[in-house]
C-alpha atoms as a PDB file:
ATOM      1  CA  MET A   1       0.000   0.000   0.000  1.00  0.00           C
ATOM      2  CA  GLY A   2       2.834   2.402   0.897  1.00  0.00           C
ATOM      3  CA  GLU A   3       4.635   1.863  -2.440  1.00  0.00           C
ATOM      4  CA  GLN A   4       1.426   2.278  -4.422  1.00  0.00           C
ATOM      5  CA  ASN A   5       0.594   5.453  -2.512  1.00  0.00           C
ATOM      6  CA  SER A   6       4.045   6.883  -3.117  1.00  0.00           C
ATOM      7  CA  SER A   7       3.988   6.133  -6.848  1.00  0.00           C
ATOM      8  CA  ASP A   8       0.562   7.753  -7.168  1.00  0.00           C
ATOM      9  CA  GLN A   9       1.787  10.859  -5.356  1.00  0.00           C
ATOM     10  CA  ASN A  10       4.801  11.206  -7.621  1.00  0.00           C
ATOM     11  CA  SER A  11       2.972  10.616 -10.906  1.00  0.00           C
ATOM     12  CA  SER A  12       1.817  14.200 -11.318  1.00  0.00           C
ATOM     13  CA  ASP A  13       5.233  15.535 -10.306  1.00  0.00           C
ATOM     14  CA  GLN A  14       6.878  13.471 -13.026  1.00  0.00           C
ATOM     15  CA  ASN A  15       4.333  14.496 -15.639  1.00  0.00           C
ATOM     16  CA  GLY A  16       4.330  18.135 -14.577  1.00  0.00           C
ATOM     17  CA  THR A  17       0.533  18.252 -14.834  1.00  0.00           C
ATOM     18  CA  CYS A  18      -2.429  17.565 -12.587  1.00  0.00           C
ATOM     19  CA  ASP A  19      -3.949  14.116 -13.122  1.00  0.00           C
ATOM     20  CA  ILE A  20      -7.423  15.223 -11.972  1.00  0.00           C
ATOM     21  CA  HIS A  21      -9.245  16.938 -14.833  1.00  0.00           C
ATOM     22  CA  ASP A  22     -12.480  18.917 -14.992  1.00  0.00           C
ATOM     23  CA  GLY A  23     -13.410  18.007 -18.553  1.00  0.00           C
ATOM     24  CA  TYR A  24     -17.041  18.968 -19.173  1.00  0.00           C
ATOM     25  CA  LEU A  25     -17.201  20.418 -15.665  1.00  0.00           C
ATOM     26  CA  SER A  26     -15.369  23.607 -16.621  1.00  0.00           C
ATOM     27  CA  PRO A  27     -18.014  25.069 -18.970  1.00  0.00           C
ATOM     28  CA  ALA A  28     -20.873  23.540 -16.957  1.00  0.00           C
ATOM     29  CA  LEU A  29     -19.703  25.047 -13.671  1.00  0.00           C
ATOM     30  CA  ALA A  30     -19.113  28.431 -15.297  1.00  0.00           C
ATOM     31  CA  VAL A  31     -22.692  28.495 -16.627  1.00  0.00           C
ATOM     32  CA  LEU A  32     -24.301  27.155 -13.441  1.00  0.00           C
ATOM     33  CA  TYR A  33     -22.403  29.480 -11.104  1.00  0.00           C
ATOM     34  CA  SER A  34     -23.229  32.426 -13.384  1.00  0.00           C
ATOM     35  CA  VAL A  35     -26.943  31.581 -13.299  1.00  0.00           C
ATOM     36  CA  ILE A  36     -26.876  31.177  -9.511  1.00  0.00           C
ATOM     37  CA  CYS A  37     -24.975  34.453  -9.197  1.00  0.00           C
ATOM     38  CA  PHE A  38     -27.558  36.353 -11.269  1.00  0.00           C
ATOM     39  CA  PHE A  39     -30.674  35.031  -9.555  1.00  0.00           C
ATOM     40  CA  GLY A  40     -29.014  34.991  -6.141  1.00  0.00           C
ATOM     41  CA  LEU A  41     -27.905  38.598  -6.506  1.00  0.00           C
ATOM     42  CA  VAL A  42     -31.364  39.796  -7.567  1.00  0.00           C
ATOM     43  CA  SER A  43     -33.255  37.892  -4.868  1.00  0.00           C
ATOM     44  CA  ASN A  44     -30.816  38.724  -2.092  1.00  0.00           C
ATOM     45  CA  VAL A  45     -30.659  42.440  -2.922  1.00  0.00           C
ATOM     46  CA  VAL A  46     -34.416  42.544  -2.302  1.00  0.00           C
ATOM     47  CA  THR A  47     -33.972  40.434   0.825  1.00  0.00           C
ATOM     48  CA  VAL A  48     -31.251  42.693   2.216  1.00  0.00           C
ATOM     49  CA  PHE A  49     -33.405  45.722   1.456  1.00  0.00           C
ATOM     50  CA  VAL A  50     -36.390  44.263   3.337  1.00  0.00           C
ATOM     51  CA  PHE A  51     -34.592  42.736   6.329  1.00  0.00           C
ATOM     52  CA  VAL A  52     -31.261  44.490   6.813  1.00  0.00           C
ATOM     53  CA  LEU A  53     -32.603  48.026   6.363  1.00  0.00           C
ATOM     54  CA  ARG A  54     -35.454  47.539   8.812  1.00  0.00           C
ATOM     55  CA  LYS A  55     -35.449  50.161  11.557  1.00  0.00           C
ATOM     56  CA  ARG A  56     -35.335  47.609  14.321  1.00  0.00           C
ATOM     57  CA  SER A  57     -35.128  43.885  15.046  1.00  0.00           C
ATOM     58  CA  ASP A  58     -38.421  43.014  16.677  1.00  0.00           C
ATOM     59  CA  SER A  59     -38.029  39.259  17.025  1.00  0.00           C
ATOM     60  CA  SER A  60     -35.385  36.554  17.243  1.00  0.00           C
ATOM     61  CA  MET A  61     -36.597  35.231  13.886  1.00  0.00           C
ATOM     62  CA  ALA A  62     -35.949  38.620  12.272  1.00  0.00           C
ATOM     63  CA  VAL A  63     -32.384  38.617  13.593  1.00  0.00           C
ATOM     64  CA  TYR A  64     -31.609  35.135  12.250  1.00  0.00           C
ATOM     65  CA  MET A  65     -33.191  35.921   8.881  1.00  0.00           C
ATOM     66  CA  ARG A  66     -31.163  39.120   8.635  1.00  0.00           C
ATOM     67  CA  HIS A  67     -27.880  37.268   9.189  1.00  0.00           C
ATOM     68  CA  LEU A  68     -28.922  34.454   6.860  1.00  0.00           C
ATOM     69  CA  ALA A  69     -29.707  36.983   4.134  1.00  0.00           C
ATOM     70  CA  MET A  70     -26.313  38.624   4.630  1.00  0.00           C
ATOM     71  CA  ALA A  71     -24.525  35.257   4.424  1.00  0.00           C
ATOM     72  CA  ASP A  72     -26.314  34.426   1.167  1.00  0.00           C
ATOM     73  CA  PHE A  73     -25.549  37.850  -0.279  1.00  0.00           C
ATOM     74  CA  LEU A  74     -21.836  37.579   0.559  1.00  0.00           C
ATOM     75  CA  LEU A  75     -21.660  34.034  -0.848  1.00  0.00           C
ATOM     76  CA  VAL A  76     -23.153  35.201  -4.136  1.00  0.00           C
ATOM     77  CA  LEU A  77     -20.454  37.887  -4.362  1.00  0.00           C
ATOM     78  CA  CYS A  78     -17.818  35.106  -4.317  1.00  0.00           C
ATOM     79  CA  LEU A  79     -19.205  33.400  -7.413  1.00  0.00           C
ATOM     80  CA  PRO A  80     -17.837  35.706 -10.163  1.00  0.00           C
ATOM     81  CA  LEU A  81     -14.295  35.114  -8.887  1.00  0.00           C
ATOM     82  CA  ARG A  82     -14.941  31.360  -8.674  1.00  0.00           C
ATOM     83  CA  VAL A  83     -16.059  31.443 -12.309  1.00  0.00           C
ATOM     84  CA  HIS A  84     -13.097  33.572 -13.443  1.00  0.00           C
ATOM     85  CA  TYR A  85     -10.371  31.593 -11.675  1.00  0.00           C
ATOM     86  CA  HIS A  86     -11.900  28.120 -11.952  1.00  0.00           C
ATOM     87  CA  ASN A  87      -9.387  25.567 -13.242  1.00  0.00           C
ATOM     88  CA  LYS A  88      -6.671  28.216 -13.533  1.00  0.00           C
ATOM     89  CA  GLU A  89      -3.385  28.757 -11.734  1.00  0.00           C
ATOM     90  CA  GLY A  90      -4.529  32.082 -10.365  1.00  0.00           C
ATOM     91  CA  PRO A  91      -2.963  34.052  -7.527  1.00  0.00           C
ATOM     92  CA  PHE A  92      -2.710  31.476  -4.754  1.00  0.00           C
ATOM     93  CA  PHE A  93      -3.571  33.841  -1.902  1.00  0.00           C
ATOM     94  CA  LEU A  94      -6.577  35.336  -3.722  1.00  0.00           C
ATOM     95  CA  CYS A  95      -7.960  31.897  -4.570  1.00  0.00           C
ATOM     96  CA  LYS A  96      -7.465  30.824  -0.965  1.00  0.00           C
ATOM     97  CA  VAL A  97      -9.256  33.901   0.380  1.00  0.00           C
ATOM     98  CA  VAL A  98     -12.192  33.455  -2.011  1.00  0.00           C
ATOM     99  CA  GLY A  99     -12.447  29.749  -1.159  1.00  0.00           C
ATOM    100  CA  VAL A 100     -12.402  30.345   2.591  1.00  0.00           C
ATOM    101  CA  PHE A 101     -14.847  33.267   2.255  1.00  0.00           C
ATOM    102  CA  PHE A 102     -17.205  31.010   0.264  1.00  0.00           C
ATOM    103  CA  TYR A 103     -17.215  28.298   2.929  1.00  0.00           C
ATOM    104  CA  ILE A 104     -17.609  30.787   5.790  1.00  0.00           C
ATOM    105  CA  ASN A 105     -20.839  32.029   4.260  1.00  0.00           C
ATOM    106  CA  MET A 106     -22.032  28.571   3.283  1.00  0.00           C
ATOM    107  CA  TYR A 107     -21.707  27.271   6.828  1.00  0.00           C
ATOM    108  CA  ALA A 108     -23.120  30.513   8.198  1.00  0.00           C
ATOM    109  CA  SER A 109     -26.241  29.731   6.152  1.00  0.00           C
ATOM    110  CA  ILE A 110     -26.358  26.243   7.661  1.00  0.00           C
ATOM    111  CA  PHE A 111     -26.096  27.573  11.208  1.00  0.00           C
ATOM    112  CA  PHE A 112     -28.650  30.347  10.755  1.00  0.00           C
ATOM    113  CA  LEU A 113     -31.131  27.955   9.158  1.00  0.00           C
ATOM    114  CA  SER A 114     -30.568  25.728  12.181  1.00  0.00           C
ATOM    115  CA  LEU A 115     -31.241  28.599  14.585  1.00  0.00           C
ATOM    116  CA  ILE A 116     -34.416  29.508  12.685  1.00  0.00           C
ATOM    117  CA  SER A 117     -35.568  25.898  12.969  1.00  0.00           C
ATOM    118  CA  LEU A 118     -34.701  25.728  16.673  1.00  0.00           C
ATOM    119  CA  ASP A 119     -36.582  28.977  17.255  1.00  0.00           C
ATOM    120  CA  ARG A 120     -39.656  27.620  15.447  1.00  0.00           C
ATOM    121  CA  TYR A 121     -39.382  24.299  17.260  1.00  0.00           C
ATOM    122  CA  LEU A 122     -39.398  25.904  20.701  1.00  0.00           C
ATOM    123  CA  LYS A 123     -42.206  28.335  19.848  1.00  0.00           C
ATOM    124  CA  ILE A 124     -44.436  25.551  18.536  1.00  0.00           C
ATOM    125  CA  ILE A 125     -43.547  22.660  20.852  1.00  0.00           C
ATOM    126  CA  LYS A 126     -42.891  24.724  24.012  1.00  0.00           C
ATOM    127  CA  PRO A 127     -45.029  27.865  23.455  1.00  0.00           C
ATOM    128  CA  LEU A 128     -45.216  28.703  27.176  1.00  0.00           C
ATOM    129  CA  TRP A 129     -41.464  28.599  27.725  1.00  0.00           C
ATOM    130  CA  VAL A 130     -39.637  31.923  27.771  1.00  0.00           C
ATOM    131  CA  MET A 131     -36.033  31.193  26.801  1.00  0.00           C
ATOM    132  CA  LYS A 132     -32.989  33.292  26.041  1.00  0.00           C
ATOM    133  CA  ILE A 133     -33.024  32.161  22.416  1.00  0.00           C
ATOM    134  CA  HIS A 134     -36.307  34.079  21.962  1.00  0.00           C
ATOM    135  CA  ARG A 135     -34.790  37.359  23.131  1.00  0.00           C
ATOM    136  CA  VAL A 136     -33.485  39.745  20.503  1.00  0.00           C
ATOM    137  CA  ARG A 137     -30.348  40.634  22.474  1.00  0.00           C
ATOM    138  CA  TRP A 138     -29.415  36.956  22.894  1.00  0.00           C
ATOM    139  CA  SER A 139     -30.158  36.311  19.213  1.00  0.00           C
ATOM    140  CA  HIS A 140     -27.731  39.071  18.221  1.00  0.00           C
ATOM    141  CA  ARG A 141     -25.036  37.623  20.462  1.00  0.00           C
ATOM    142  CA  ALA A 142     -25.567  34.100  19.126  1.00  0.00           C
ATOM    143  CA  SER A 143     -25.427  35.333  15.527  1.00  0.00           C
ATOM    144  CA  PHE A 144     -22.232  37.345  15.967  1.00  0.00           C
ATOM    145  CA  SER A 145     -20.669  34.426  17.861  1.00  0.00           C
ATOM    146  CA  ILE A 146     -21.342  32.172  14.869  1.00  0.00           C
ATOM    147  CA  TRP A 147     -19.566  34.614  12.544  1.00  0.00           C
ATOM    148  CA  ILE A 148     -16.561  34.892  14.876  1.00  0.00           C
ATOM    149  CA  VAL A 149     -16.220  31.133  15.341  1.00  0.00           C
ATOM    150  CA  LEU A 150     -16.510  30.482  11.600  1.00  0.00           C
ATOM    151  CA  VAL A 151     -13.909  33.115  10.711  1.00  0.00           C
ATOM    152  CA  LEU A 152     -11.451  31.796  13.319  1.00  0.00           C
ATOM    153  CA  PHE A 153     -11.984  28.150  12.326  1.00  0.00           C
ATOM    154  CA  MET A 154     -11.812  28.713   8.573  1.00  0.00           C
ATOM    155  CA  ALA A 155      -8.657  30.799   9.011  1.00  0.00           C
ATOM    156  CA  THR A 156      -6.856  27.577   9.944  1.00  0.00           C
ATOM    157  CA  PHE A 157      -7.281  26.346   6.366  1.00  0.00           C
ATOM    158  CA  PHE A 158      -4.777  28.949   5.177  1.00  0.00           C
ATOM    159  CA  ILE A 159      -1.985  26.794   6.582  1.00  0.00           C
ATOM    160  CA  THR A 160      -3.128  23.415   5.244  1.00  0.00           C
ATOM    161  CA  ASN A 161      -1.872  23.718   1.664  1.00  0.00           C
ATOM    162  CA  ASP A 162       1.677  24.570   0.560  1.00  0.00           C
ATOM    163  CA  GLN A 163       1.287  23.798  -3.162  1.00  0.00           C
ATOM    164  CA  ARG A 164       3.401  20.688  -3.017  1.00  0.00           C
ATOM    165  CA  ARG A 165       1.732  19.184  -6.092  1.00  0.00           C
ATOM    166  CA  ASP A 166       0.573  20.444  -9.454  1.00  0.00           C
ATOM    167  CA  CYS A 167      -3.121  19.993  -8.558  1.00  0.00           C
ATOM    168  CA  ASP A 168      -2.610  22.221  -5.509  1.00  0.00           C
ATOM    169  CA  LYS A 169      -1.671  25.154  -7.740  1.00  0.00           C
ATOM    170  CA  ILE A 170      -5.052  25.188  -9.517  1.00  0.00           C
ATOM    171  CA  CYS A 171      -7.787  27.335  -7.976  1.00  0.00           C
ATOM    172  CA  PHE A 172     -10.884  25.603  -6.586  1.00  0.00           C
ATOM    173  CA  HIS A 173      -9.636  22.196  -7.655  1.00  0.00           C
ATOM    174  CA  PHE A 174      -8.669  18.843  -6.157  1.00  0.00           C
ATOM    175  CA  HIS A 175      -6.049  19.710  -3.513  1.00  0.00           C
ATOM    176  CA  HIS A 176      -4.001  17.386  -1.379  1.00  0.00           C
ATOM    177  CA  ARG A 177      -4.673  17.574   2.377  1.00  0.00           C
ATOM    178  CA  ASP A 178      -2.418  16.632   5.233  1.00  0.00           C
ATOM    179  CA  LEU A 179      -3.641  14.914   8.383  1.00  0.00           C
ATOM    180  CA  VAL A 180      -4.608  18.140  10.156  1.00  0.00           C
ATOM    181  CA  GLY A 181      -6.604  19.485   7.206  1.00  0.00           C
ATOM    182  CA  GLY A 182      -8.281  16.126   6.630  1.00  0.00           C
ATOM    183  CA  VAL A 183      -9.317  15.737  10.256  1.00  0.00           C
ATOM    184  CA  ALA A 184     -10.643  19.306  10.315  1.00  0.00           C
ATOM    185  CA  ASN A 185     -12.768  18.673   7.221  1.00  0.00           C
ATOM    186  CA  ILE A 186     -14.163  15.388   8.492  1.00  0.00           C
ATOM    187  CA  SER A 187     -14.936  17.034  11.846  1.00  0.00           C
ATOM    188  CA  VAL A 188     -17.003  19.644  10.007  1.00  0.00           C
ATOM    189  CA  VAL A 189     -18.909  16.843   8.253  1.00  0.00           C
ATOM    190  CA  ALA A 190     -19.547  15.152  11.607  1.00  0.00           C
ATOM    191  CA  LEU A 191     -20.876  18.438  13.013  1.00  0.00           C
ATOM    192  CA  PHE A 192     -23.198  18.773  10.030  1.00  0.00           C
ATOM    193  CA  GLY A 193     -24.417  15.216  10.674  1.00  0.00           C
ATOM    194  CA  VAL A 194     -25.407  16.194  14.219  1.00  0.00           C
ATOM    195  CA  ILE A 195     -27.169  19.330  12.958  1.00  0.00           C
ATOM    196  CA  PHE A 196     -29.021  17.344  10.297  1.00  0.00           C
ATOM    197  CA  LEU A 197     -30.257  14.764  12.829  1.00  0.00           C
ATOM    198  CA  LEU A 198     -31.503  17.601  15.042  1.00  0.00           C
ATOM    199  CA  PHE A 199     -33.212  19.081  11.988  1.00  0.00           C
ATOM    200  CA  VAL A 200     -35.060  15.827  11.381  1.00  0.00           C
ATOM    201  CA  CYS A 201     -36.084  15.565  15.035  1.00  0.00           C
ATOM    202  CA  PHE A 202     -37.300  19.179  15.112  1.00  0.00           C
ATOM    203  CA  TYR A 203     -39.545  18.824  12.089  1.00  0.00           C
ATOM    204  CA  VAL A 204     -40.903  15.421  13.006  1.00  0.00           C
ATOM    205  CA  ARG A 205     -42.027  16.914  16.334  1.00  0.00           C
ATOM    206  CA  ILE A 206     -43.343  20.080  14.657  1.00  0.00           C
ATOM    207  CA  THR A 207     -45.333  18.098  12.084  1.00  0.00           C
ATOM    208  CA  THR A 208     -46.787  15.847  14.778  1.00  0.00           C
ATOM    209  CA  LYS A 209     -47.797  18.858  16.872  1.00  0.00           C
ATOM    210  CA  LEU A 210     -49.448  20.601  13.929  1.00  0.00           C
ATOM    211  CA  ARG A 211     -51.367  17.463  12.951  1.00  0.00           C
ATOM    212  CA  ASN A 212     -52.782  17.269  16.459  1.00  0.00           C
ATOM    213  CA  MET A 213     -53.661  20.947  16.671  1.00  0.00           C
ATOM    214  CA  SER A 214     -57.148  22.260  16.052  1.00  0.00           C
ATOM    215  CA  LEU A 215     -57.236  25.266  13.696  1.00  0.00           C
ATOM    216  CA  GLY A 216     -60.891  26.143  14.103  1.00  0.00           C
ATOM    217  CA  ASN A 217     -63.868  23.888  13.372  1.00  0.00           C
ATOM    218  CA  GLN A 218     -63.076  20.488  11.919  1.00  0.00           C
ATOM    219  CA  ASN A 219     -64.724  21.230   8.574  1.00  0.00           C
ATOM    220  CA  ASP A 220     -63.252  20.788   5.125  1.00  0.00           C
ATOM    221  CA  LYS A 221     -61.931  24.355   5.033  1.00  0.00           C
ATOM    222  CA  SER A 222     -60.178  23.924   8.375  1.00  0.00           C
ATOM    223  CA  LYS A 223     -58.671  20.614   7.285  1.00  0.00           C
ATOM    224  CA  ARG A 224     -57.357  22.172   4.081  1.00  0.00           C
ATOM    225  CA  ARG A 225     -55.859  24.998   6.097  1.00  0.00           C
ATOM    226  CA  LYS A 226     -54.105  22.543   8.404  1.00  0.00           C
ATOM    227  CA  SER A 227     -52.761  20.583   5.421  1.00  0.00           C
ATOM    228  CA  ARG A 228     -51.463  23.828   3.898  1.00  0.00           C
ATOM    229  CA  VAL A 229     -49.702  24.781   7.137  1.00  0.00           C
ATOM    230  CA  ILE A 230     -48.091  21.334   7.361  1.00  0.00           C
ATOM    231  CA  ARG A 231     -46.901  21.517   3.744  1.00  0.00           C
ATOM    232  CA  LYS A 232     -45.355  24.932   4.387  1.00  0.00           C
ATOM    233  CA  THR A 233     -43.559  23.456   7.382  1.00  0.00           C
ATOM    234  CA  PHE A 234     -41.554  21.209   5.073  1.00  0.00           C
ATOM    235  CA  VAL A 235     -40.152  24.105   3.012  1.00  0.00           C
ATOM    236  CA  VAL A 236     -37.204  24.638   5.378  1.00  0.00           C
ATOM    237  CA  PRO A 237     -36.113  20.980   5.854  1.00  0.00           C
ATOM    238  CA  VAL A 238     -36.563  20.157   2.165  1.00  0.00           C
ATOM    239  CA  ILE A 239     -34.388  23.087   1.042  1.00  0.00           C
ATOM    240  CA  PHE A 240     -31.833  22.317   3.752  1.00  0.00           C
ATOM    241  CA  THR A 241     -31.666  18.635   2.771  1.00  0.00           C
ATOM    242  CA  VAL A 242     -31.534  19.128  -0.998  1.00  0.00           C
ATOM    243  CA  CYS A 243     -28.854  21.811  -0.825  1.00  0.00           C
ATOM    244  CA  PHE A 244     -26.510  20.555   1.882  1.00  0.00           C
ATOM    245  CA  LEU A 245     -26.916  16.806   2.465  1.00  0.00           C
ATOM    246  CA  PRO A 246     -25.522  15.563  -0.911  1.00  0.00           C
ATOM    247  CA  TYR A 247     -22.367  17.674  -0.517  1.00  0.00           C
ATOM    248  CA  HIS A 248     -21.651  16.329   2.962  1.00  0.00           C
ATOM    249  CA  LEU A 249     -22.328  12.731   1.933  1.00  0.00           C
ATOM    250  CA  VAL A 250     -19.675  13.054  -0.772  1.00  0.00           C
ATOM    251  CA  ARG A 251     -17.306  15.023   1.442  1.00  0.00           C
ATOM    252  CA  VAL A 252     -15.917  12.168   3.569  1.00  0.00           C
ATOM    253  CA  PRO A 253     -14.700   9.926   0.700  1.00  0.00           C
ATOM    254  CA  TYR A 254     -13.536  13.053  -1.148  1.00  0.00           C
ATOM    255  CA  VAL A 255     -11.379  14.159   1.786  1.00  0.00           C
ATOM    256  CA  LEU A 256     -10.027  10.614   2.132  1.00  0.00           C
ATOM    257  CA  ALA A 257      -9.038  10.810  -1.534  1.00  0.00           C
ATOM    258  CA  GLN A 258      -7.324  14.142  -0.893  1.00  0.00           C
ATOM    259  CA  MET A 259      -5.400  12.506   1.966  1.00  0.00           C
ATOM    260  CA  ASP A 260      -4.426   9.605  -0.350  1.00  0.00           C
ATOM    261  CA  VAL A 261      -6.292   7.095   1.790  1.00  0.00           C
ATOM    262  CA  ILE A 262      -8.164   6.428  -1.464  1.00  0.00           C
ATOM    263  CA  VAL A 263      -5.409   6.096  -4.063  1.00  0.00           C
ATOM    264  CA  ASP A 264      -7.211   4.904  -7.190  1.00  0.00           C
ATOM    265  CA  LEU A 265      -7.056   7.693  -9.799  1.00  0.00           C
ATOM    266  CA  ASP A 266     -10.456   6.882 -11.328  1.00  0.00           C
ATOM    267  CA  SER A 267     -12.056   7.043  -7.882  1.00  0.00           C
ATOM    268  CA  LYS A 268     -10.407  10.387  -7.219  1.00  0.00           C
ATOM    269  CA  GLN A 269     -11.664  11.701 -10.553  1.00  0.00           C
ATOM    270  CA  MET A 270     -15.217  10.556  -9.819  1.00  0.00           C
ATOM    271  CA  LEU A 271     -15.170  12.031  -6.310  1.00  0.00           C
ATOM    272  CA  HIS A 272     -13.842  15.329  -7.638  1.00  0.00           C
ATOM    273  CA  THR A 273     -16.725  15.507 -10.122  1.00  0.00           C
ATOM    274  CA  LEU A 274     -19.312  14.644  -7.456  1.00  0.00           C
ATOM    275  CA  ASN A 275     -17.811  17.164  -5.055  1.00  0.00           C
ATOM    276  CA  GLU A 276     -18.079  19.980  -7.606  1.00  0.00           C
ATOM    277  CA  LEU A 277     -21.645  19.086  -8.615  1.00  0.00           C
ATOM    278  CA  THR A 278     -22.899  18.832  -5.036  1.00  0.00           C
ATOM    279  CA  LEU A 279     -21.149  22.095  -4.176  1.00  0.00           C
ATOM    280  CA  ILE A 280     -23.320  23.688  -6.868  1.00  0.00           C
ATOM    281  CA  LEU A 281     -26.372  22.561  -4.878  1.00  0.00           C
ATOM    282  CA  SER A 282     -24.944  24.171  -1.745  1.00  0.00           C
ATOM    283  CA  ALA A 283     -24.425  27.458  -3.598  1.00  0.00           C
ATOM    284  CA  PHE A 284     -27.951  27.189  -5.016  1.00  0.00           C
ATOM    285  CA  ASN A 285     -29.236  27.513  -1.453  1.00  0.00           C
ATOM    286  CA  SER A 286     -28.572  31.257  -1.707  1.00  0.00           C
ATOM    287  CA  CYS A 287     -31.332  31.422  -4.347  1.00  0.00           C
ATOM    288  CA  LEU A 288     -33.762  29.233  -2.396  1.00  0.00           C
ATOM    289  CA  ASP A 289     -33.564  30.907   1.017  1.00  0.00           C
ATOM    290  CA  PRO A 290     -35.826  33.777  -0.183  1.00  0.00           C
ATOM    291  CA  VAL A 291     -38.499  31.090  -0.655  1.00  0.00           C
ATOM    292  CA  ILE A 292     -38.198  30.407   3.079  1.00  0.00           C
ATOM    293  CA  TYR A 293     -38.548  34.107   3.853  1.00  0.00           C
ATOM    294  CA  TYR A 294     -41.654  34.241   1.682  1.00  0.00           C
ATOM    295  CA  PHE A 295     -43.386  31.616   3.828  1.00  0.00           C
ATOM    296  CA  LEU A 296     -42.015  32.679   7.206  1.00  0.00           C
ATOM    297  CA  SER A 297     -42.359  36.442   6.915  1.00  0.00           C
ATOM    298  CA  SER A 298     -45.537  38.283   5.992  1.00  0.00           C
ATOM    299  CA  THR A 299     -43.426  41.467   5.660  1.00  0.00           C
ATOM    300  CA  PHE A 300     -41.168  39.864   3.061  1.00  0.00           C
ATOM    301  CA  ARG A 301     -44.151  38.375   1.256  1.00  0.00           C
ATOM    302  CA  ARG A 302     -45.850  41.782   0.974  1.00  0.00           C
ATOM    303  CA  ALA A 303     -42.580  43.362  -0.178  1.00  0.00           C
ATOM    304  CA  ILE A 304     -42.163  40.776  -2.951  1.00  0.00           C
ATOM    305  CA  LEU A 305     -45.741  41.292  -4.139  1.00  0.00           C
ATOM    306  CA  CYS A 306     -45.170  45.059  -4.184  1.00  0.00           C
ATOM    307  CA  ALA A 307     -41.978  44.640  -6.192  1.00  0.00           C
ATOM    308  CA  LEU A 308     -43.696  42.362  -8.719  1.00  0.00           C
ATOM    309  CA  HIS A 309     -46.423  44.985  -9.217  1.00  0.00           C
ATOM    310  CA  GLY A 310     -43.926  47.840  -9.481  1.00  0.00           C
ATOM    311  CA  GLN A 311     -45.153  49.484  -6.288  1.00  0.00           C
ATOM    312  CA  PHE A 312     -41.718  50.606  -5.111  1.00  0.00           C
ATOM    313  CA  LYS A 313     -42.942  53.351  -2.801  1.00  0.00           C
ATOM    314  CA  THR A 314     -45.089  50.785  -1.026  1.00  0.00           C
ATOM    315  CA  LEU A 315     -42.120  48.407  -0.995  1.00  0.00           C
ATOM    316  CA  TYR A 316     -40.027  50.995   0.831  1.00  0.00           C
ATOM    317  CA  ALA A 317     -42.807  51.614   3.350  1.00  0.00           C
ATOM    318  CA  VAL A 318     -43.286  47.890   3.989  1.00  0.00           C
ATOM    319  CA  SER A 319     -39.563  47.342   4.569  1.00  0.00           C
ATOM    320  CA  HIS A 320     -39.527  50.032   7.262  1.00  0.00           C
ATOM    321  CA  ARG A 321     -42.555  48.917   9.210  1.00  0.00           C
ATOM    322  CA  HIS A 322     -42.171  47.396  12.655  1.00  0.00           C
ATOM    323  CA  ASN A 323     -44.242  44.337  11.916  1.00  0.00           C
ATOM    324  CA  SER A 324     -43.227  41.178  13.668  1.00  0.00           C
ATOM    325  CA  ILE A 325     -41.622  38.448  11.633  1.00  0.00           C
ATOM    326  CA  ASN A 326     -43.836  35.378  11.650  1.00  0.00           C
ATOM    327  CA  PRO A 327     -46.373  36.436  14.292  1.00  0.00           C
ATOM    328  CA  SER A 328     -48.143  33.088  14.287  1.00  0.00           C
ATOM    329  CA  ILE A 329     -47.409  29.477  13.475  1.00  0.00           C
ATOM    330  CA  THR A 330     -49.710  29.634  10.477  1.00  0.00           C
ATOM    331  CA  GLU A 331     -47.083  31.772   8.756  1.00  0.00           C
ATOM    332  CA  MET A 332     -44.795  28.744   8.675  1.00  0.00           C
END
């Protein structure tokens, strides 16, 4: 195993080229990232206008949505550079900064979606409990703590690559990882696994509670209303699962390939392709989060309808009102 590993490591050095190729991925990724950038930029500019420019934060949900919108907006700003430098030997430091910045905002989205779900879970399952997580001041502290922790943790990835191989010199490509970098990446995947299991538990409990709740008289109209509320409940977990689960399922074998635990070149090539395609889904989350806002926030919903009808003066007025985000569970 040791001899095979060593010969595989030296093959690219002898050839002077990277053995992992993008092939059809290069034009496909450029097109897909460009489309995501366009729609993500448009949708998140409106989102930032509605949430970030509000005069005050009147609920914990509003705080988490504001930070989630900012994370999506910043992630979208990374995409033009990812398109420009993809599969090129660009400036190493710039590519590293853009890559780290991308992942900071991606995982910020994961954490803020988790906080939104936890907030909804407690308000629906434990409506009589008054907890710190429901207080605006605590929500601000939790949100800023997430940003600080992510920046400090992701900063460690600046020291995990010294361009020892030809593949390492290519931006946003298959890069070799040492033991420290590999363990850090797998630890992040394990943390996501815990978050995802909590997500499933939250929404199973929420769905069960909503099914057992009485929303008025048990007539056909009331039953349809309850079914509609339950369907809306699944918007958050479905988007979270579709966007982030495939990437993290691929991530463990991909990191093992980067660490040369998996040495077969064809397997590395396949894992590289899967990693890039599932990363597209993660970036696509920045376009789908406004769908969540539409269902969770009546303020955002009214603002979108105003924008679609060209009522921009009304849009400005709506974005500056002090309405509560998601005043009832039926907004879910």
